[in-house]
């Protein structure tokens, strides 16, 4: 792998992780209570969800928008 390809891959992973972190935090603050009523007031487990939300952020965002009734 060339140095340029490695840098591009690292930059992609960084941007993907940053976008995932943003979507994950937004979902934990604003969306989790709406998607799962049983999660209301249960703030202790929310940080445990963040790694999975970072990795699966496109799916989380898609499902969150679909549940909110936004056409995609």
PDB file of N, CA and C in Angstrom:
ATOM      1  N   UNK A   1       0.860  -1.169   0.000  1.00  0.00           N
ATOM      2  CA  UNK A   1       0.000   0.000   0.000  1.00  0.00           C
ATOM      3  C   UNK A   1       0.904   1.229   0.000  1.00  0.00           C
ATOM      4  N   UNK A   2       0.600   2.154  -0.846  1.00  0.00           N
ATOM      5  CA  UNK A   2       1.405   3.361  -0.927  1.00  0.00           C
ATOM      6  C   UNK A   2       1.057   4.302   0.231  1.00  0.00           C
ATOM      7  N   UNK A   3       1.931   5.240   0.441  1.00  0.00           N
ATOM      8  CA  UNK A   3       1.731   6.204   1.514  1.00  0.00           C
ATOM      9  C   UNK A   3       0.470   7.044   1.278  1.00  0.00           C
ATOM     10  N   UNK A   4       0.231   7.413   0.030  1.00  0.00           N
ATOM     11  CA  UNK A   4      -0.964   8.198  -0.288  1.00  0.00           C
ATOM     12  C   UNK A   4      -2.243   7.435  -0.020  1.00  0.00           C
ATOM     13  N   UNK A   5      -2.241   6.142  -0.360  1.00  0.00           N
ATOM     14  CA  UNK A   5      -3.426   5.322  -0.109  1.00  0.00           C
ATOM     15  C   UNK A   5      -3.656   5.146   1.390  1.00  0.00           C
ATOM     16  N   UNK A   6      -2.588   4.970   2.139  1.00  0.00           N
ATOM     17  CA  UNK A   6      -2.709   4.823   3.591  1.00  0.00           C
ATOM     18  C   UNK A   6      -3.237   6.109   4.220  1.00  0.00           C
ATOM     19  N   UNK A   7      -2.747   7.247   3.745  1.00  0.00           N
ATOM     20  CA  UNK A   7      -3.237   8.523   4.269  1.00  0.00           C
ATOM     21  C   UNK A   7      -4.706   8.739   3.923  1.00  0.00           C
ATOM     22  N   UNK A   8      -5.094   8.372   2.711  1.00  0.00           N
ATOM     23  CA  UNK A   8      -6.495   8.509   2.312  1.00  0.00           C
ATOM     24  C   UNK A   8      -7.392   7.608   3.154  1.00  0.00           C
ATOM     25  N   UNK A   9      -6.942   6.387   3.408  1.00  0.00           N
ATOM     26  CA  UNK A   9      -7.713   5.459   4.237  1.00  0.00           C
ATOM     27  C   UNK A   9      -7.841   5.975   5.665  1.00  0.00           C
ATOM     28  N   UNK A  10      -6.757   6.522   6.195  1.00  0.00           N
ATOM     29  CA  UNK A  10      -6.798   7.071   7.545  1.00  0.00           C
ATOM     30  C   UNK A  10      -7.703   8.296   7.616  1.00  0.00           C
ATOM     31  N   UNK A  11      -7.660   9.126   6.599  1.00  0.00           N
ATOM     32  CA  UNK A  11      -8.531  10.296   6.573  1.00  0.00           C
ATOM     33  C   UNK A  11     -10.007   9.881   6.475  1.00  0.00           C
ATOM     34  N   UNK A  12     -10.308   8.881   5.650  1.00  0.00           N
ATOM     35  CA  UNK A  12     -11.674   8.379   5.546  1.00  0.00           C
ATOM     36  C   UNK A  12     -12.148   7.829   6.887  1.00  0.00           C
ATOM     37  N   UNK A  13     -11.298   7.052   7.557  1.00  0.00           N
ATOM     38  CA  UNK A  13     -11.680   6.479   8.852  1.00  0.00           C
ATOM     39  C   UNK A  13     -11.903   7.571   9.890  1.00  0.00           C
ATOM     40  N   UNK A  14     -11.087   8.615   9.836  1.00  0.00           N
ATOM     41  CA  UNK A  14     -11.243   9.723  10.776  1.00  0.00           C
ATOM     42  C   UNK A  14     -12.562  10.455  10.539  1.00  0.00           C
ATOM     43  N   UNK A  15     -12.867  10.753   9.277  1.00  0.00           N
ATOM     44  CA  UNK A  15     -14.123  11.441   8.961  1.00  0.00           C
ATOM     45  C   UNK A  15     -15.330  10.571   9.283  1.00  0.00           C
ATOM     46  N   UNK A  16     -15.244   9.273   8.995  1.00  0.00           N
ATOM     47  CA  UNK A  16     -16.329   8.348   9.307  1.00  0.00           C
ATOM     48  C   UNK A  16     -16.564   8.305  10.819  1.00  0.00           C
ATOM     49  N   UNK A  17     -15.486   8.240  11.588  1.00  0.00           N
ATOM     50  CA  UNK A  17     -15.615   8.215  13.042  1.00  0.00           C
ATOM     51  C   UNK A  17     -16.168   9.511  13.603  1.00  0.00           C
ATOM     52  N   UNK A  18     -15.738  10.631  13.032  1.00  0.00           N
ATOM     53  CA  UNK A  18     -16.245  11.929  13.496  1.00  0.00           C
ATOM     54  C   UNK A  18     -17.734  12.070  13.186  1.00  0.00           C
ATOM     55  N   UNK A  19     -18.125  11.669  11.986  1.00  0.00           N
ATOM     56  CA  UNK A  19     -19.549  11.711  11.640  1.00  0.00           C
ATOM     57  C   UNK A  19     -20.338  10.765  12.540  1.00  0.00           C
ATOM     58  N   UNK A  20     -19.792   9.596  12.797  1.00  0.00           N
ATOM     59  CA  UNK A  20     -20.446   8.635  13.681  1.00  0.00           C
ATOM     60  C   UNK A  20     -20.584   9.147  15.101  1.00  0.00           C
ATOM     61  N   UNK A  21     -19.554   9.828  15.576  1.00  0.00           N
ATOM     62  CA  UNK A  21     -19.624  10.395  16.915  1.00  0.00           C
ATOM     63  C   UNK A  21     -20.714  11.460  16.991  1.00  0.00           C
ATOM     64  N   UNK A  22     -20.774  12.309  15.976  1.00  0.00           N
ATOM     65  CA  UNK A  22     -21.802  13.354  15.956  1.00  0.00           C
ATOM     66  C   UNK A  22     -23.206  12.789  15.906  1.00  0.00           C
ATOM     67  N   UNK A  23     -23.424  11.823  15.017  1.00  0.00           N
ATOM     68  CA  UNK A  23     -24.739  11.192  14.912  1.00  0.00           C
ATOM     69  C   UNK A  23     -25.061  10.431  16.196  1.00  0.00           C
ATOM     70  N   UNK A  24     -24.067   9.744  16.747  1.00  0.00           N
ATOM     71  CA  UNK A  24     -24.292   8.969  17.968  1.00  0.00           C
ATOM     72  C   UNK A  24     -24.696   9.834  19.147  1.00  0.00           C
ATOM     73  N   UNK A  25     -23.979  10.925  19.352  1.00  0.00           N
ATOM     74  CA  UNK A  25     -24.311  11.823  20.465  1.00  0.00           C
ATOM     75  C   UNK A  25     -25.683  12.457  20.248  1.00  0.00           C
ATOM     76  N   UNK A  26     -25.955  12.887  19.016  1.00  0.00           N
ATOM     77  CA  UNK A  26     -27.266  13.476  18.732  1.00  0.00           C
ATOM     78  C   UNK A  26     -28.379  12.461  18.969  1.00  0.00           C
ATOM     79  N   UNK A  27     -28.160  11.215  18.562  1.00  0.00           N
ATOM     80  CA  UNK A  27     -29.173  10.187  18.765  1.00  0.00           C
ATOM     81  C   UNK A  27     -29.383   9.912  20.249  1.00  0.00           C
ATOM     82  N   UNK A  28     -28.302   9.859  21.005  1.00  0.00           N
ATOM     83  CA  UNK A  28     -28.440   9.591  22.438  1.00  0.00           C
ATOM     84  C   UNK A  28     -29.160  10.728  23.154  1.00  0.00           C
ATOM     85  N   UNK A  29     -28.930  11.960  22.727  1.00  0.00           N
ATOM     86  CA  UNK A  29     -29.535  13.110  23.397  1.00  0.00           C
ATOM     87  C   UNK A  29     -30.978  13.331  22.949  1.00  0.00           C
ATOM     88  N   UNK A  30     -31.213  13.224  21.636  1.00  0.00           N
ATOM     89  CA  UNK A  30     -32.533  13.611  21.103  1.00  0.00           C
ATOM     90  C   UNK A  30     -33.386  12.445  20.611  1.00  0.00           C
ATOM     91  N   UNK A  31     -32.791  11.364  20.139  1.00  0.00           N
ATOM     92  CA  UNK A  31     -33.557  10.352  19.445  1.00  0.00           C
ATOM     93  C   UNK A  31     -33.890   9.094  20.212  1.00  0.00           C
ATOM     94  N   UNK A  32     -33.079   8.742  21.181  1.00  0.00           N
ATOM     95  CA  UNK A  32     -33.283   7.468  21.865  1.00  0.00           C
ATOM     96  C   UNK A  32     -34.601   7.420  22.614  1.00  0.00           C
ATOM     97  N   UNK A  33     -34.956   8.497  23.268  1.00  0.00           N
ATOM     98  CA  UNK A  33     -36.223   8.523  24.014  1.00  0.00           C
ATOM     99  C   UNK A  33     -37.424   8.359  23.101  1.00  0.00           C
ATOM    100  N   UNK A  34     -37.327   8.892  21.881  1.00  0.00           N
ATOM    101  CA  UNK A  34     -38.442   8.778  20.938  1.00  0.00           C
ATOM    102  C   UNK A  34     -38.518   7.405  20.313  1.00  0.00           C
ATOM    103  N   UNK A  35     -37.374   6.777  20.092  1.00  0.00           N
ATOM    104  CA  UNK A  35     -37.357   5.460  19.440  1.00  0.00           C
ATOM    105  C   UNK A  35     -37.644   4.329  20.414  1.00  0.00           C
ATOM    106  N   UNK A  36     -37.243   4.491  21.660  1.00  0.00           N
ATOM    107  CA  UNK A  36     -37.442   3.437  22.649  1.00  0.00           C
ATOM    108  C   UNK A  36     -37.975   4.062  23.937  1.00  0.00           C
ATOM    109  N   UNK A  37     -39.283   4.005  24.155  1.00  0.00           N
ATOM    110  CA  UNK A  37     -39.852   4.629  25.357  1.00  0.00           C
ATOM    111  C   UNK A  37     -39.304   4.044  26.657  1.00  0.00           C
ATOM    112  N   UNK A  38     -38.841   2.815  26.637  1.00  0.00           N
ATOM    113  CA  UNK A  38     -38.288   2.206  27.851  1.00  0.00           C
ATOM    114  C   UNK A  38     -36.955   2.829  28.246  1.00  0.00           C
ATOM    115  N   UNK A  39     -36.333   3.569  27.347  1.00  0.00           N
ATOM    116  CA  UNK A  39     -35.032   4.174  27.626  1.00  0.00           C
ATOM    117  C   UNK A  39     -35.139   5.523  28.322  1.00  0.00           C
ATOM    118  N   UNK A  40     -36.342   5.986  28.542  1.00  0.00           N
ATOM    119  CA  UNK A  40     -36.509   7.290  29.197  1.00  0.00           C
ATOM    120  C   UNK A  40     -35.989   7.235  30.626  1.00  0.00           C
ATOM    121  N   UNK A  41     -35.114   8.172  30.914  1.00  0.00           N
ATOM    122  CA  UNK A  41     -34.563   8.258  32.260  1.00  0.00           C
ATOM    123  C   UNK A  41     -33.433   7.287  32.543  1.00  0.00           C
ATOM    124  N   UNK A  42     -33.125   6.397  31.632  1.00  0.00           N
ATOM    125  CA  UNK A  42     -32.048   5.422  31.840  1.00  0.00           C
ATOM    126  C   UNK A  42     -30.764   5.973  31.213  1.00  0.00           C
ATOM    127  N   UNK A  43     -30.106   6.846  31.944  1.00  0.00           N
ATOM    128  CA  UNK A  43     -28.927   7.516  31.411  1.00  0.00           C
ATOM    129  C   UNK A  43     -27.644   6.742  31.658  1.00  0.00           C
ATOM    130  N   UNK A  44     -27.679   5.732  32.484  1.00  0.00           N
ATOM    131  CA  UNK A  44     -26.468   4.985  32.812  1.00  0.00           C
ATOM    132  C   UNK A  44     -25.944   4.116  31.689  1.00  0.00           C
ATOM    133  N   UNK A  45     -26.814   3.618  30.838  1.00  0.00           N
ATOM    134  CA  UNK A  45     -26.364   2.717  29.785  1.00  0.00           C
ATOM    135  C   UNK A  45     -26.086   3.427  28.469  1.00  0.00           C
ATOM    136  N   UNK A  46     -26.443   4.681  28.350  1.00  0.00           N
ATOM    137  CA  UNK A  46     -26.276   5.389  27.085  1.00  0.00           C
ATOM    138  C   UNK A  46     -24.828   5.461  26.606  1.00  0.00           C
ATOM    139  N   UNK A  47     -23.853   5.728  27.472  1.00  0.00           N
ATOM    140  CA  UNK A  47     -22.464   5.720  26.978  1.00  0.00           C
ATOM    141  C   UNK A  47     -22.027   4.356  26.436  1.00  0.00           C
ATOM    142  N   UNK A  48     -22.651   3.299  26.887  1.00  0.00           N
ATOM    143  CA  UNK A  48     -22.309   1.967  26.391  1.00  0.00           C
ATOM    144  C   UNK A  48     -22.765   1.768  24.950  1.00  0.00           C
ATOM    145  N   UNK A  49     -23.742   2.518  24.517  1.00  0.00           N
ATOM    146  CA  UNK A  49     -24.245   2.423  23.155  1.00  0.00           C
ATOM    147  C   UNK A  49     -23.382   3.169  22.148  1.00  0.00           C
ATOM    148  N   UNK A  50     -22.587   4.110  22.603  1.00  0.00           N
ATOM    149  CA  UNK A  50     -21.864   4.997  21.701  1.00  0.00           C
ATOM    150  C   UNK A  50     -20.910   4.274  20.742  1.00  0.00           C
ATOM    151  N   UNK A  51     -20.112   3.292  21.156  1.00  0.00           N
ATOM    152  CA  UNK A  51     -19.235   2.625  20.168  1.00  0.00           C
ATOM    153  C   UNK A  51     -20.008   1.972  19.024  1.00  0.00           C
ATOM    154  N   UNK A  52     -21.107   1.336  19.318  1.00  0.00           N
ATOM    155  CA  UNK A  52     -21.921   0.729  18.273  1.00  0.00           C
ATOM    156  C   UNK A  52     -22.568   1.765  17.382  1.00  0.00           C
ATOM    157  N   UNK A  53     -22.993   2.883  17.969  1.00  0.00           N
ATOM    158  CA  UNK A  53     -23.582   3.952  17.172  1.00  0.00           C
ATOM    159  C   UNK A  53     -22.550   4.584  16.244  1.00  0.00           C
ATOM    160  N   UNK A  54     -21.312   4.697  16.701  1.00  0.00           N
ATOM    161  CA  UNK A  54     -20.258   5.258  15.857  1.00  0.00           C
ATOM    162  C   UNK A  54     -20.006   4.357  14.655  1.00  0.00           C
ATOM    163  N   UNK A  55     -19.971   3.058  14.868  1.00  0.00           N
ATOM    164  CA  UNK A  55     -19.706   2.133  13.763  1.00  0.00           C
ATOM    165  C   UNK A  55     -20.888   2.007  12.811  1.00  0.00           C
ATOM    166  N   UNK A  56     -22.086   2.065  13.329  1.00  0.00           N
ATOM    167  CA  UNK A  56     -23.280   1.829  12.515  1.00  0.00           C
ATOM    168  C   UNK A  56     -24.063   3.110  12.242  1.00  0.00           C
ATOM    169  N   UNK A  57     -23.402   4.262  12.241  1.00  0.00           N
ATOM    170  CA  UNK A  57     -24.114   5.530  12.148  1.00  0.00           C
ATOM    171  C   UNK A  57     -24.939   5.679  10.881  1.00  0.00           C
ATOM    172  N   UNK A  58     -24.532   5.181   9.709  1.00  0.00           N
ATOM    173  CA  UNK A  58     -25.427   5.358   8.556  1.00  0.00           C
ATOM    174  C   UNK A  58     -26.770   4.645   8.743  1.00  0.00           C
ATOM    175  N   UNK A  59     -26.729   3.453   9.299  1.00  0.00           N
ATOM    176  CA  UNK A  59     -27.963   2.708   9.553  1.00  0.00           C
ATOM    177  C   UNK A  59     -28.809   3.394  10.623  1.00  0.00           C
ATOM    178  N   UNK A  60     -28.163   3.858  11.672  1.00  0.00           N
ATOM    179  CA  UNK A  60     -28.879   4.549  12.750  1.00  0.00           C
ATOM    180  C   UNK A  60     -29.555   5.806  12.216  1.00  0.00           C
ATOM    181  N   UNK A  61     -28.821   6.583  11.430  1.00  0.00           N
ATOM    182  CA  UNK A  61     -29.392   7.805  10.873  1.00  0.00           C
ATOM    183  C   UNK A  61     -30.541   7.503   9.927  1.00  0.00           C
ATOM    184  N   UNK A  62     -30.394   6.503   9.097  1.00  0.00           N
ATOM    185  CA  UNK A  62     -31.450   6.113   8.163  1.00  0.00           C
ATOM    186  C   UNK A  62     -32.712   5.685   8.902  1.00  0.00           C
ATOM    187  N   UNK A  63     -32.543   4.828   9.914  1.00  0.00           N
ATOM    188  CA  UNK A  63     -33.706   4.357  10.678  1.00  0.00           C
ATOM    189  C   UNK A  63     -34.337   5.475  11.496  1.00  0.00           C
ATOM    190  N   UNK A  64     -33.506   6.351  12.044  1.00  0.00           N
ATOM    191  CA  UNK A  64     -34.007   7.467  12.837  1.00  0.00           C
ATOM    192  C   UNK A  64     -34.827   8.412  11.966  1.00  0.00           C
ATOM    193  N   UNK A  65     -34.330   8.723  10.777  1.00  0.00           N
ATOM    194  CA  UNK A  65     -35.074   9.595   9.868  1.00  0.00           C
ATOM    195  C   UNK A  65     -36.340   8.915   9.351  1.00  0.00           C
ATOM    196  N   UNK A  66     -36.270   7.629   9.084  1.00  0.00           N
ATOM    197  CA  UNK A  66     -37.455   6.900   8.636  1.00  0.00           C
ATOM    198  C   UNK A  66     -38.526   6.880   9.731  1.00  0.00           C
ATOM    199  N   UNK A  67     -38.097   6.722  10.946  1.00  0.00           N
ATOM    200  CA  UNK A  67     -39.049   6.692  12.056  1.00  0.00           C
ATOM    201  C   UNK A  67     -39.667   8.072  12.285  1.00  0.00           C
ATOM    202  N   UNK A  68     -38.906   9.120  11.985  1.00  0.00           N
ATOM    203  CA  UNK A  68     -39.412  10.481  12.159  1.00  0.00           C
ATOM    204  C   UNK A  68     -40.340  10.881  11.016  1.00  0.00           C
ATOM    205  N   UNK A  69     -40.422  10.052   9.984  1.00  0.00           N
ATOM    206  CA  UNK A  69     -41.322  10.332   8.876  1.00  0.00           C
ATOM    207  C   UNK A  69     -40.713  11.175   7.792  1.00  0.00           C
ATOM    208  N   UNK A  70     -39.393  11.313   7.774  1.00  0.00           N
ATOM    209  CA  UNK A  70     -38.713  12.091   6.747  1.00  0.00           C
ATOM    210  C   UNK A  70     -38.479  11.180   5.548  1.00  0.00           C
ATOM    211  N   UNK A  71     -38.902  11.636   4.377  1.00  0.00           N
ATOM    212  CA  UNK A  71     -38.684  10.859   3.154  1.00  0.00           C
ATOM    213  C   UNK A  71     -37.221  10.953   2.761  1.00  0.00           C
ATOM    214  N   UNK A  72     -36.661   9.823   2.312  1.00  0.00           N
ATOM    215  CA  UNK A  72     -35.265   9.831   1.872  1.00  0.00           C
ATOM    216  C   UNK A  72     -35.134   9.373   0.466  1.00  0.00           C
TER     217      UNK A  72
END
